[in-house]
């Protein structure tokens, strides 16, 4: 089963291939496709994960930061071969 990531970057809809052996999550794949450096984001995400009591804080942080960077509607799409 092939996996694709669909997202909008600054108003333009785009689709890229996704593999778990190459990317940690779909947000990382979208950022790599656009050439956005997320190293500072990953460090801050780690800090949020260490201080937050639930997984919701990390998810909320990720969505808000990627929206600030210009990414919206980031989704994983599974396609049958």
N, C-alpha and C. Protein backbone atom coordinates (compact mmCIF):
# COMPACT_ATOMS: atom_id res chain seq x y z
N UNK A 1 0.85 -1.17 0.00
CA UNK A 1 0.00 0.00 0.00
C UNK A 1 0.90 1.24 0.00
N UNK A 2 0.71 2.08 -0.99
CA UNK A 2 1.47 3.32 -1.08
C UNK A 2 0.85 4.38 -0.17
N UNK A 3 1.69 5.26 0.32
CA UNK A 3 1.21 6.33 1.18
C UNK A 3 1.59 7.66 0.57
N UNK A 4 0.67 8.59 0.61
CA UNK A 4 0.90 9.93 0.12
C UNK A 4 0.53 10.93 1.21
N UNK A 5 1.18 12.06 1.19
CA UNK A 5 0.83 13.16 2.09
C UNK A 5 0.27 14.27 1.23
N UNK A 6 -0.94 14.70 1.55
CA UNK A 6 -1.51 15.86 0.87
C UNK A 6 -1.52 17.02 1.86
N UNK A 7 -1.25 18.21 1.35
CA UNK A 7 -1.22 19.40 2.18
C UNK A 7 -1.36 20.64 1.32
N UNK A 8 -1.64 21.74 1.97
CA UNK A 8 -1.66 23.03 1.30
C UNK A 8 -0.52 23.86 1.88
N UNK A 9 0.29 24.43 1.01
CA UNK A 9 1.38 25.28 1.44
C UNK A 9 1.18 26.65 0.81
N UNK A 10 0.87 27.60 1.67
CA UNK A 10 0.60 28.97 1.24
C UNK A 10 -0.44 29.03 0.13
N UNK A 11 -1.51 28.24 0.34
CA UNK A 11 -2.66 28.29 -0.56
C UNK A 11 -2.60 27.34 -1.74
N UNK A 12 -1.51 26.64 -1.96
CA UNK A 12 -1.40 25.72 -3.09
C UNK A 12 -1.45 24.28 -2.59
N UNK A 13 -2.35 23.49 -3.14
CA UNK A 13 -2.48 22.09 -2.76
C UNK A 13 -1.36 21.28 -3.40
N UNK A 14 -0.75 20.39 -2.60
CA UNK A 14 0.36 19.58 -3.08
C UNK A 14 0.27 18.18 -2.52
N UNK A 15 0.93 17.23 -3.18
CA UNK A 15 0.97 15.85 -2.75
C UNK A 15 2.39 15.33 -2.90
N UNK A 16 2.88 14.62 -1.88
CA UNK A 16 4.22 14.02 -1.92
C UNK A 16 4.14 12.58 -1.42
N UNK A 17 5.13 11.78 -1.82
CA UNK A 17 5.23 10.40 -1.32
C UNK A 17 5.68 10.41 0.13
N UNK A 18 5.27 9.37 0.86
CA UNK A 18 5.63 9.28 2.27
C UNK A 18 6.06 7.86 2.60
N UNK A 19 7.14 7.74 3.38
CA UNK A 19 7.60 6.44 3.88
C UNK A 19 8.08 6.64 5.32
N UNK A 20 7.67 5.74 6.21
CA UNK A 20 8.06 5.85 7.61
C UNK A 20 9.56 5.64 7.82
N UNK A 21 10.23 4.95 6.90
CA UNK A 21 11.67 4.76 7.06
C UNK A 21 12.46 6.00 6.69
N UNK A 22 11.82 6.94 6.00
CA UNK A 22 12.50 8.17 5.61
C UNK A 22 12.12 9.36 6.49
N UNK A 23 10.86 9.43 6.90
CA UNK A 23 10.36 10.55 7.69
C UNK A 23 9.72 10.04 8.98
N UNK A 24 9.83 10.84 10.02
CA UNK A 24 9.26 10.51 11.33
C UNK A 24 7.74 10.65 11.33
N UNK A 25 7.24 11.70 10.67
CA UNK A 25 5.80 11.91 10.57
C UNK A 25 5.47 12.69 9.30
N UNK A 26 4.17 12.88 9.06
CA UNK A 26 3.74 13.51 7.82
C UNK A 26 4.13 14.98 7.75
N UNK A 27 4.23 15.63 8.90
CA UNK A 27 4.62 17.04 8.91
C UNK A 27 6.07 17.20 8.46
N UNK A 28 6.91 16.29 8.88
CA UNK A 28 8.32 16.32 8.48
C UNK A 28 8.46 16.11 6.97
N UNK A 29 7.64 15.23 6.41
CA UNK A 29 7.67 14.97 4.97
C UNK A 29 7.24 16.21 4.18
N UNK A 30 6.20 16.88 4.64
CA UNK A 30 5.73 18.09 3.96
C UNK A 30 6.77 19.20 4.03
N UNK A 31 7.40 19.36 5.18
CA UNK A 31 8.43 20.40 5.33
C UNK A 31 9.64 20.10 4.45
N UNK A 32 10.04 18.83 4.36
CA UNK A 32 11.17 18.46 3.52
C UNK A 32 10.86 18.72 2.05
N UNK A 33 9.63 18.46 1.63
CA UNK A 33 9.25 18.69 0.24
C UNK A 33 9.31 20.17 -0.12
N UNK A 34 9.04 21.03 0.86
CA UNK A 34 9.07 22.47 0.61
C UNK A 34 10.42 23.10 0.94
N UNK A 35 11.33 22.33 1.50
CA UNK A 35 12.65 22.86 1.84
C UNK A 35 12.66 23.73 3.08
N UNK A 36 11.71 23.51 3.97
CA UNK A 36 11.61 24.29 5.21
C UNK A 36 12.43 23.61 6.30
N UNK A 37 13.33 24.37 6.94
CA UNK A 37 14.15 23.85 8.03
C UNK A 37 13.32 23.82 9.30
N UNK A 38 13.12 22.63 9.86
CA UNK A 38 12.29 22.50 11.06
C UNK A 38 13.11 22.05 12.27
N UNK A 39 14.42 22.23 12.23
CA UNK A 39 15.26 21.78 13.35
C UNK A 39 14.90 22.50 14.66
N UNK A 40 14.66 23.80 14.61
CA UNK A 40 14.27 24.54 15.81
C UNK A 40 12.89 24.08 16.30
N UNK A 41 12.00 23.81 15.36
CA UNK A 41 10.67 23.31 15.70
C UNK A 41 10.76 21.96 16.43
N UNK A 42 11.61 21.05 15.93
CA UNK A 42 11.76 19.73 16.54
C UNK A 42 12.29 19.81 17.96
N UNK A 43 13.21 20.74 18.21
CA UNK A 43 13.73 20.94 19.56
C UNK A 43 12.63 21.43 20.50
N UNK A 44 11.84 22.38 20.03
CA UNK A 44 10.76 22.92 20.86
C UNK A 44 9.67 21.87 21.08
N UNK A 45 9.40 21.07 20.07
CA UNK A 45 8.41 20.01 20.20
C UNK A 45 8.84 19.01 21.28
N UNK A 46 10.13 18.71 21.32
CA UNK A 46 10.67 17.83 22.36
C UNK A 46 10.45 18.42 23.75
N UNK A 47 10.66 19.72 23.89
CA UNK A 47 10.46 20.38 25.17
C UNK A 47 8.99 20.34 25.58
N UNK A 48 8.10 20.55 24.62
CA UNK A 48 6.66 20.49 24.92
C UNK A 48 6.29 19.08 25.36
N UNK A 49 6.84 18.07 24.69
CA UNK A 49 6.54 16.68 25.05
C UNK A 49 7.02 16.35 26.46
N UNK A 50 8.17 16.90 26.85
CA UNK A 50 8.70 16.63 28.19
C UNK A 50 7.91 17.31 29.29
N UNK A 51 7.36 18.49 29.01
CA UNK A 51 6.67 19.25 30.05
C UNK A 51 5.16 19.03 30.06
N UNK A 52 4.58 18.59 28.96
CA UNK A 52 3.13 18.41 28.87
C UNK A 52 2.71 17.11 29.54
N UNK A 53 1.51 17.12 30.09
CA UNK A 53 1.00 15.92 30.75
C UNK A 53 0.26 15.00 29.80
N UNK A 54 -0.15 15.50 28.65
CA UNK A 54 -0.88 14.67 27.70
C UNK A 54 -0.37 14.89 26.28
N UNK A 55 -0.73 13.99 25.39
CA UNK A 55 -0.31 14.08 23.99
C UNK A 55 -1.01 15.19 23.23
N UNK A 56 -2.10 15.70 23.76
CA UNK A 56 -2.84 16.75 23.08
C UNK A 56 -2.05 18.04 22.94
N UNK A 57 -1.21 18.33 23.91
CA UNK A 57 -0.41 19.56 23.86
C UNK A 57 0.59 19.51 22.71
N UNK A 58 1.19 18.35 22.50
CA UNK A 58 2.16 18.20 21.41
C UNK A 58 1.47 18.33 20.07
N UNK A 59 0.32 17.67 19.93
CA UNK A 59 -0.44 17.73 18.68
C UNK A 59 -0.88 19.17 18.40
N UNK A 60 -1.36 19.86 19.41
CA UNK A 60 -1.80 21.24 19.26
C UNK A 60 -0.63 22.14 18.86
N UNK A 61 0.52 21.96 19.52
CA UNK A 61 1.71 22.74 19.20
C UNK A 61 2.12 22.51 17.75
N UNK A 62 2.15 21.24 17.32
CA UNK A 62 2.55 20.90 15.96
C UNK A 62 1.63 21.55 14.93
N UNK A 63 0.33 21.45 15.14
CA UNK A 63 -0.62 22.02 14.18
C UNK A 63 -0.51 23.54 14.10
N UNK A 64 -0.37 24.20 15.24
CA UNK A 64 -0.28 25.66 15.24
C UNK A 64 1.02 26.16 14.63
N UNK A 65 2.12 25.48 14.92
CA UNK A 65 3.40 25.91 14.36
C UNK A 65 3.46 25.70 12.85
N UNK A 66 2.93 24.58 12.39
CA UNK A 66 2.93 24.35 10.94
C UNK A 66 1.97 25.30 10.23
N UNK A 67 0.88 25.67 10.86
CA UNK A 67 -0.01 26.67 10.28
C UNK A 67 0.71 28.02 10.20
N UNK A 68 1.51 28.33 11.21
CA UNK A 68 2.28 29.57 11.20
C UNK A 68 3.31 29.56 10.06
N UNK A 69 3.86 28.39 9.76
CA UNK A 69 4.83 28.26 8.67
C UNK A 69 4.18 28.28 7.29
N UNK A 70 2.86 28.14 7.24
CA UNK A 70 2.15 28.18 5.96
C UNK A 70 1.53 26.87 5.52
N UNK A 71 1.61 25.83 6.35
CA UNK A 71 1.05 24.52 6.02
C UNK A 71 -0.34 24.38 6.62
N UNK A 72 -1.28 23.90 5.82
CA UNK A 72 -2.63 23.61 6.30
C UNK A 72 -3.09 22.29 5.70
N UNK A 73 -4.09 21.69 6.31
CA UNK A 73 -4.71 20.45 5.82
C UNK A 73 -3.69 19.36 5.53
N UNK A 74 -2.75 19.13 6.42
CA UNK A 74 -1.75 18.07 6.25
C UNK A 74 -2.41 16.75 6.60
N UNK A 75 -2.47 15.84 5.62
CA UNK A 75 -3.16 14.57 5.81
C UNK A 75 -2.38 13.43 5.16
N UNK A 76 -2.50 12.23 5.75
CA UNK A 76 -1.92 11.02 5.19
C UNK A 76 -3.01 10.32 4.39
N UNK A 77 -2.69 9.95 3.15
CA UNK A 77 -3.63 9.29 2.27
C UNK A 77 -3.05 7.92 1.92
N UNK A 78 -3.80 6.86 2.19
CA UNK A 78 -3.37 5.51 1.83
C UNK A 78 -4.05 5.13 0.52
N UNK A 79 -3.27 4.67 -0.42
CA UNK A 79 -3.82 4.26 -1.71
C UNK A 79 -3.59 2.78 -1.92
N UNK A 80 -4.56 2.10 -2.48
CA UNK A 80 -4.44 0.67 -2.78
C UNK A 80 -3.68 0.51 -4.08
N UNK A 81 -2.80 -0.47 -4.12
CA UNK A 81 -2.01 -0.71 -5.34
C UNK A 81 -2.71 -1.64 -6.26
